[in-house]
Amino acid sequence: MRTQKQARAVVLVLGLVVVAAVVAPASPASAAVPGLVRVAATSVSDSADFHSATATCPAGKVLTGTGYELNGVTGEGVVDDLRPNGGPATAPTAVTVGAYETEAFAGNWSVTAYAICANPVPGLVRVSTVGASSSADYHSTTATCPAGKVLTGTGYELNGVTGEGVVDDFRPNGGVAASPTAVTVGAYESDATTLNWSVTAYAICANPLLGLVRASTVGASNSLDFRSVTATCPVGKVLTGAGYELNGVTGEGIVDDFRPNGGPATAPTSVASGAYEEDAFAGNWSDTAYAICATA
């Protein structure tokens, strides 16, 4: 049987344990996408009709988003393939960019692929949706993340049309207070073709990330041949992926530059979208850049 002194000692110890549990500080929230960087790979520069480059994440990192840049060809080259690897049960680690000349072009040109990479992200996978194949002038399809996952990055592929299709709408959903969960890809024929063709949309998806939102910037609307716009993440957030949209020009505008900033040792925080008219276009048009951003 306990003595009165022993009983008081037990109460005192239990009291100290309760107090310690109450005053222990909470663990700080971890970064949503630790180790985020941007890497690049550029194809050979020559006058071939087709160019391709693959940007691969550093060992131990995974792909959260994509980007590209056409170098030396102004409105006469089009990206046909912006394809992250991976699958419904496999985290992507690289992106392949393939581009064709839309018209015969005598100069040398190249393509740069950009990969946005991070330390392993829980639940990261790549899903895809292939649209209907037909000879219609316009095709659109949407890739949606599995239930419970959010969209970190995007990709697309044009199937069956080589240099005669242009992506006009590459749009993640979401908003400034809503996490994106899907991407819509819409494409037009740049020149009339009787070929059957289709569009594939790729969504890079993960378990919910801290502070994930979609920011956007709309450029000026005018009839200039070239325009550029940059979407920047809110303060304290970093860029995991991106998208764009051409407004008012149907099949006559080409996004030549879809470039996340950052570098091999620097987290990206914005994306630039630059577009040219493929053929002379008299109407006013604009370019919208979309940035998918998470808490740093």
Protein backbone atom coordinates (compact mmCIF):
# COMPACT_ATOMS: atom_id res chain seq x y z
CA MET A 1 0.00 0.00 0.00
CA ARG A 2 1.28 3.47 -0.93
CA THR A 3 2.11 5.91 1.81
CA GLN A 4 0.62 9.42 1.70
CA LYS A 5 4.07 10.74 0.73
CA GLN A 6 4.33 8.31 -2.21
CA ALA A 7 0.87 9.24 -3.46
CA ARG A 8 1.76 12.95 -3.46
CA ALA A 9 4.93 12.15 -5.47
CA VAL A 10 2.92 10.29 -8.15
CA VAL A 11 0.46 13.20 -8.48
CA LEU A 12 3.36 15.66 -8.80
CA VAL A 13 5.04 13.61 -11.57
CA LEU A 14 1.78 13.24 -13.50
CA GLY A 15 1.16 16.97 -13.20
CA LEU A 16 4.60 17.73 -14.65
CA VAL A 17 3.91 15.39 -17.59
CA VAL A 18 0.61 17.15 -18.36
CA VAL A 19 2.21 20.60 -18.18
CA ALA A 20 5.06 19.48 -20.44
CA ALA A 21 2.54 18.17 -22.98
CA VAL A 22 0.66 21.46 -22.96
CA VAL A 23 3.63 23.81 -23.36
CA ALA A 24 5.66 21.74 -25.89
CA PRO A 25 5.96 23.84 -29.06
CA ALA A 26 4.30 22.57 -32.24
CA SER A 27 6.55 21.34 -35.05
CA PRO A 28 6.90 23.93 -37.83
CA ALA A 29 5.13 23.15 -41.14
CA SER A 30 7.50 21.59 -43.65
CA ALA A 31 8.05 22.94 -47.16
CA ALA A 32 5.46 21.71 -49.65
CA VAL A 33 8.07 20.96 -52.33
CA PRO A 34 11.58 20.83 -50.79
CA GLY A 35 14.61 20.90 -53.07
CA LEU A 36 12.80 22.58 -55.97
CA VAL A 37 15.04 23.48 -58.96
CA ARG A 38 14.82 23.97 -62.73
CA VAL A 39 17.02 22.03 -65.12
CA ALA A 40 17.30 22.38 -68.91
CA ALA A 41 18.45 20.44 -71.97
CA THR A 42 18.83 21.86 -75.50
CA SER A 43 18.78 19.93 -78.76
CA VAL A 44 21.31 20.25 -81.55
CA SER A 45 20.88 23.45 -83.61
CA ASP A 46 20.46 22.82 -87.34
CA SER A 47 17.94 23.27 -90.16
CA ALA A 48 16.22 19.87 -89.76
CA ASP A 49 12.41 19.86 -89.83
CA PHE A 50 12.13 18.20 -86.39
CA HIS A 51 14.01 18.75 -83.12
CA SER A 52 13.72 17.00 -79.76
CA ALA A 53 15.27 17.36 -76.29
CA THR A 54 14.74 15.60 -72.95
CA ALA A 55 15.37 17.30 -69.60
CA THR A 56 15.94 14.79 -66.81
CA CYS A 57 15.76 15.55 -63.10
CA PRO A 58 18.91 15.10 -60.98
CA ALA A 59 19.24 11.72 -59.28
CA GLY A 60 16.85 11.42 -56.34
CA LYS A 61 14.47 14.15 -57.59
CA VAL A 62 11.09 13.91 -59.33
CA LEU A 63 9.38 16.01 -62.00
CA THR A 64 6.63 18.37 -60.80
CA GLY A 65 6.30 20.56 -63.92
CA THR A 66 7.47 21.27 -67.46
CA GLY A 67 8.43 24.03 -69.89
CA TYR A 68 10.04 24.65 -73.28
CA GLU A 69 11.64 27.24 -75.53
CA LEU A 70 12.11 27.37 -79.32
CA ASN A 71 15.39 29.04 -80.27
CA GLY A 72 16.06 30.74 -83.60
CA VAL A 73 12.69 30.11 -85.23
CA THR A 74 10.13 32.92 -84.78
CA GLY A 75 6.60 31.73 -85.39
CA GLU A 76 7.69 29.02 -87.82
CA GLY A 77 8.19 26.22 -85.27
CA VAL A 78 5.59 24.54 -83.11
CA VAL A 79 5.87 22.20 -80.11
CA ASP A 80 4.06 18.98 -80.96
CA ASP A 81 5.09 17.00 -77.87
CA LEU A 82 5.54 18.20 -74.27
CA ARG A 83 5.53 14.81 -72.63
CA PRO A 84 6.40 13.98 -69.02
CA ASN A 85 7.40 10.37 -68.44
CA GLY A 86 5.96 8.30 -65.58
CA GLY A 87 2.48 6.85 -65.31
CA PRO A 88 -0.56 6.25 -63.08
CA ALA A 89 1.62 4.44 -60.53
CA THR A 90 5.04 5.93 -61.32
CA ALA A 91 6.45 9.36 -60.44
CA PRO A 92 7.72 11.26 -63.50
CA THR A 93 11.40 12.20 -63.60
CA ALA A 94 11.87 13.72 -67.08
CA VAL A 95 10.12 15.64 -69.87
CA THR A 96 10.60 15.29 -73.64
CA VAL A 97 9.90 18.22 -75.96
CA GLY A 98 9.51 17.66 -79.70
CA ALA A 99 8.97 20.47 -82.24
CA TYR A 100 8.34 20.72 -85.99
CA GLU A 101 8.64 23.53 -88.50
CA THR A 102 5.18 24.77 -89.46
CA GLU A 103 6.54 26.19 -92.72
CA ALA A 104 9.81 25.45 -94.52
CA PHE A 105 12.52 27.34 -92.59
CA ALA A 106 16.07 27.59 -93.95
CA GLY A 107 17.81 28.77 -90.77
CA ASN A 108 19.25 26.74 -87.91
CA TRP A 109 17.09 26.33 -84.83
CA SER A 110 16.80 24.23 -81.68
CA VAL A 111 14.46 23.37 -78.82
CA THR A 112 15.07 23.60 -75.07
CA ALA A 113 13.23 21.36 -72.60
CA TYR A 114 12.75 22.59 -69.01
CA ALA A 115 12.12 20.25 -66.08
CA ILE A 116 10.93 21.55 -62.71
CA CYS A 117 12.25 19.04 -60.16
CA ALA A 118 11.94 18.49 -56.42
CA ASN A 119 12.79 16.02 -53.71
CA PRO A 120 10.29 13.13 -53.73
CA VAL A 121 6.72 14.39 -53.38
CA PRO A 122 4.16 12.08 -51.69
CA GLY A 123 1.77 10.41 -54.12
CA LEU A 124 3.31 11.90 -57.28
CA VAL A 125 2.07 10.28 -60.52
CA ARG A 126 1.36 11.16 -64.15
CA VAL A 127 -2.10 10.61 -65.63
CA SER A 128 -3.29 11.20 -69.19
CA THR A 129 -6.42 11.51 -71.31
CA VAL A 130 -6.53 11.07 -75.10
CA GLY A 131 -9.19 13.01 -77.00
CA ALA A 132 -11.21 11.77 -79.97
CA SER A 133 -9.35 11.34 -83.27
CA SER A 134 -10.94 13.06 -86.28
CA SER A 135 -10.18 15.55 -89.04
CA ALA A 136 -11.96 18.40 -87.25
CA ASP A 137 -10.16 21.76 -87.17
CA TYR A 138 -10.23 21.92 -83.34
CA HIS A 139 -9.63 19.31 -80.65
CA SER A 140 -9.78 19.54 -76.86
CA THR A 141 -9.39 17.17 -73.93
CA THR A 142 -8.94 17.38 -70.13
CA ALA A 143 -6.75 15.27 -67.85
CA THR A 144 -8.06 15.19 -64.28
CA CYS A 145 -6.11 14.09 -61.20
CA PRO A 146 -7.31 11.04 -59.27
CA ALA A 147 -9.65 11.79 -56.38
CA GLY A 148 -7.79 13.30 -53.45
CA LYS A 149 -4.82 14.50 -55.52
CA VAL A 150 -3.91 17.97 -56.82
CA LEU A 151 -2.24 19.20 -60.01
CA THR A 152 1.42 20.24 -59.78
CA GLY A 153 2.31 20.31 -63.48
CA THR A 154 1.13 19.82 -67.05
CA GLY A 155 1.98 18.37 -70.46
CA TYR A 156 0.47 17.58 -73.85
CA GLU A 157 0.97 15.65 -77.08
CA LEU A 158 -0.48 16.13 -80.56
CA ASN A 159 -1.06 12.80 -82.30
CA GLY A 160 -1.20 12.29 -86.06
CA VAL A 161 -0.51 15.88 -87.12
CA THR A 162 3.13 16.86 -87.67
CA GLY A 163 3.66 20.60 -87.60
CA GLU A 164 0.10 21.39 -88.66
CA GLY A 165 -1.45 21.59 -85.16
CA VAL A 166 -0.92 24.33 -82.58
CA VAL A 167 -1.90 24.32 -78.91
CA ASP A 168 -4.04 27.38 -78.24
CA ASP A 169 -5.25 26.49 -74.73
CA PHE A 170 -3.06 24.81 -72.11
CA ARG A 171 -5.00 25.72 -69.01
CA PRO A 172 -4.84 24.36 -65.45
CA ASN A 173 -8.02 24.91 -63.46
CA GLY A 174 -8.05 26.32 -59.92
CA GLY A 175 -7.50 29.91 -58.84
CA VAL A 176 -5.92 32.22 -56.31
CA ALA A 177 -7.67 30.40 -53.46
CA ALA A 178 -8.22 26.96 -55.01
CA SER A 179 -5.78 24.16 -55.76
CA PRO A 180 -5.77 23.04 -59.41
CA THR A 181 -6.84 19.46 -60.08
CA ALA A 182 -7.01 19.25 -63.90
CA VAL A 183 -5.54 20.63 -67.13
CA THR A 184 -7.39 21.30 -70.41
CA VAL A 185 -5.53 21.19 -73.73
CA GLY A 186 -7.13 22.72 -76.84
CA ALA A 187 -5.47 22.75 -80.28
CA TYR A 188 -6.25 24.07 -83.77
CA GLU A 189 -4.97 23.16 -87.20
CA SER A 190 -2.50 25.85 -88.27
CA ASP A 191 -3.10 24.91 -91.92
CA ALA A 192 -5.99 22.88 -93.30
CA THR A 193 -5.32 19.13 -93.23
CA THR A 194 -7.49 16.12 -93.99
CA LEU A 195 -5.54 13.97 -91.52
CA ASN A 196 -7.27 12.45 -88.50
CA TRP A 197 -5.56 13.67 -85.35
CA SER A 198 -6.07 13.97 -81.60
CA VAL A 199 -4.77 15.63 -78.44
CA THR A 200 -3.39 14.00 -75.29
CA ALA A 201 -3.44 15.95 -72.02
CA TYR A 202 -0.98 15.01 -69.25
CA ALA A 203 -1.55 15.89 -65.58
CA ILE A 204 1.22 15.57 -62.98
CA CYS A 205 -0.58 14.94 -59.69
CA ALA A 206 0.35 14.59 -56.02
CA ASN A 207 -1.17 14.31 -52.59
CA PRO A 208 -2.39 17.75 -51.39
CA LEU A 209 0.44 20.28 -51.10
CA LEU A 210 0.68 23.15 -48.64
CA GLY A 211 -0.70 26.37 -50.12
CA LEU A 212 -1.14 25.10 -53.70
CA VAL A 213 -2.92 27.67 -55.91
CA ARG A 214 -3.06 28.84 -59.54
CA ALA A 215 -1.99 32.41 -60.34
CA SER A 216 -2.40 34.06 -63.76
CA THR A 217 -1.50 37.18 -65.73
CA VAL A 218 -3.23 38.36 -68.92
CA GLY A 219 -1.11 40.28 -71.41
CA ALA A 220 -2.19 43.31 -73.46
CA SER A 221 -4.62 42.69 -76.32
CA ASN A 222 -3.45 44.18 -79.63
CA SER A 223 -2.53 43.21 -83.20
CA LEU A 224 1.25 43.03 -82.73
CA ASP A 225 3.05 40.01 -84.21
CA PHE A 226 4.67 39.10 -80.86
CA ARG A 227 3.66 39.38 -77.24
CA SER A 228 5.01 38.11 -73.93
CA VAL A 229 3.57 37.86 -70.44
CA THR A 230 4.87 36.57 -67.09
CA ALA A 231 2.86 34.97 -64.27
CA THR A 232 4.58 35.26 -60.88
CA CYS A 233 3.83 33.23 -57.76
CA PRO A 234 2.55 35.04 -54.67
CA VAL A 235 5.18 36.01 -52.11
CA GLY A 236 6.39 32.98 -50.17
CA LYS A 237 5.42 30.49 -52.87
CA VAL A 238 7.43 28.65 -55.54
CA LEU A 239 6.51 27.44 -59.03
CA THR A 240 5.74 23.72 -59.42
CA GLY A 241 4.24 23.90 -62.92
CA ALA A 242 2.52 26.19 -65.42
CA GLY A 243 0.22 26.67 -68.42
CA TYR A 244 -0.89 29.26 -70.98
CA GLU A 245 -3.82 30.39 -73.12
CA LEU A 246 -4.04 32.37 -76.35
CA ASN A 247 -7.10 34.61 -76.54
CA GLY A 248 -8.68 35.86 -79.78
CA VAL A 249 -6.40 34.08 -82.26
CA THR A 250 -7.57 30.66 -83.47
CA GLY A 251 -4.77 28.59 -84.93
CA GLU A 252 -2.75 31.63 -86.02
CA GLY A 253 -0.80 32.11 -82.77
CA ILE A 254 2.09 29.93 -81.57
CA VAL A 255 3.57 29.90 -78.07
CA ASP A 256 7.29 29.94 -78.83
CA ASP A 257 8.49 30.41 -75.25
CA PHE A 258 7.02 28.66 -72.21
CA ARG A 259 9.86 29.22 -69.79
CA PRO A 260 9.98 28.80 -66.00
CA ASN A 261 12.67 30.93 -64.35
CA GLY A 262 15.11 29.51 -61.81
CA GLY A 263 18.07 27.22 -62.39
CA PRO A 264 19.98 24.13 -61.21
CA ALA A 265 20.38 25.68 -57.75
CA THR A 266 17.44 28.09 -57.68
CA ALA A 267 13.73 27.40 -57.15
CA PRO A 268 11.53 28.85 -59.93
CA THR A 269 8.94 31.43 -58.92
CA SER A 270 7.49 32.55 -62.28
CA VAL A 271 6.84 31.49 -65.86
CA ALA A 272 7.11 33.54 -69.08
CA SER A 273 4.89 32.85 -72.07
CA GLY A 274 5.84 34.41 -75.42
CA ALA A 275 3.82 33.97 -78.60
CA TYR A 276 4.11 34.83 -82.30
CA GLU A 277 1.57 35.00 -85.10
CA GLU A 278 2.09 31.97 -87.35
CA ASP A 279 0.56 33.83 -90.32
CA ALA A 280 -0.35 37.50 -90.53
CA PHE A 281 -3.40 38.14 -88.34
CA ALA A 282 -5.23 41.48 -88.40
CA GLY A 283 -7.28 41.09 -85.21
CA ASN A 284 -6.38 41.88 -81.62
CA TRP A 285 -5.22 38.98 -79.45
CA SER A 286 -3.51 38.30 -76.13
CA ASP A 287 -1.60 35.70 -74.17
CA THR A 288 -2.36 34.48 -70.63
CA ALA A 289 0.32 32.82 -68.47
CA TYR A 290 -0.67 30.47 -65.63
CA ALA A 291 1.58 29.66 -62.66
CA ILE A 292 0.94 26.71 -60.34
CA CYS A 293 2.44 27.68 -56.98
CA ALA A 294 2.95 26.07 -53.56
CA THR A 295 4.26 27.26 -50.23
CA ALA A 296 8.07 27.35 -50.24
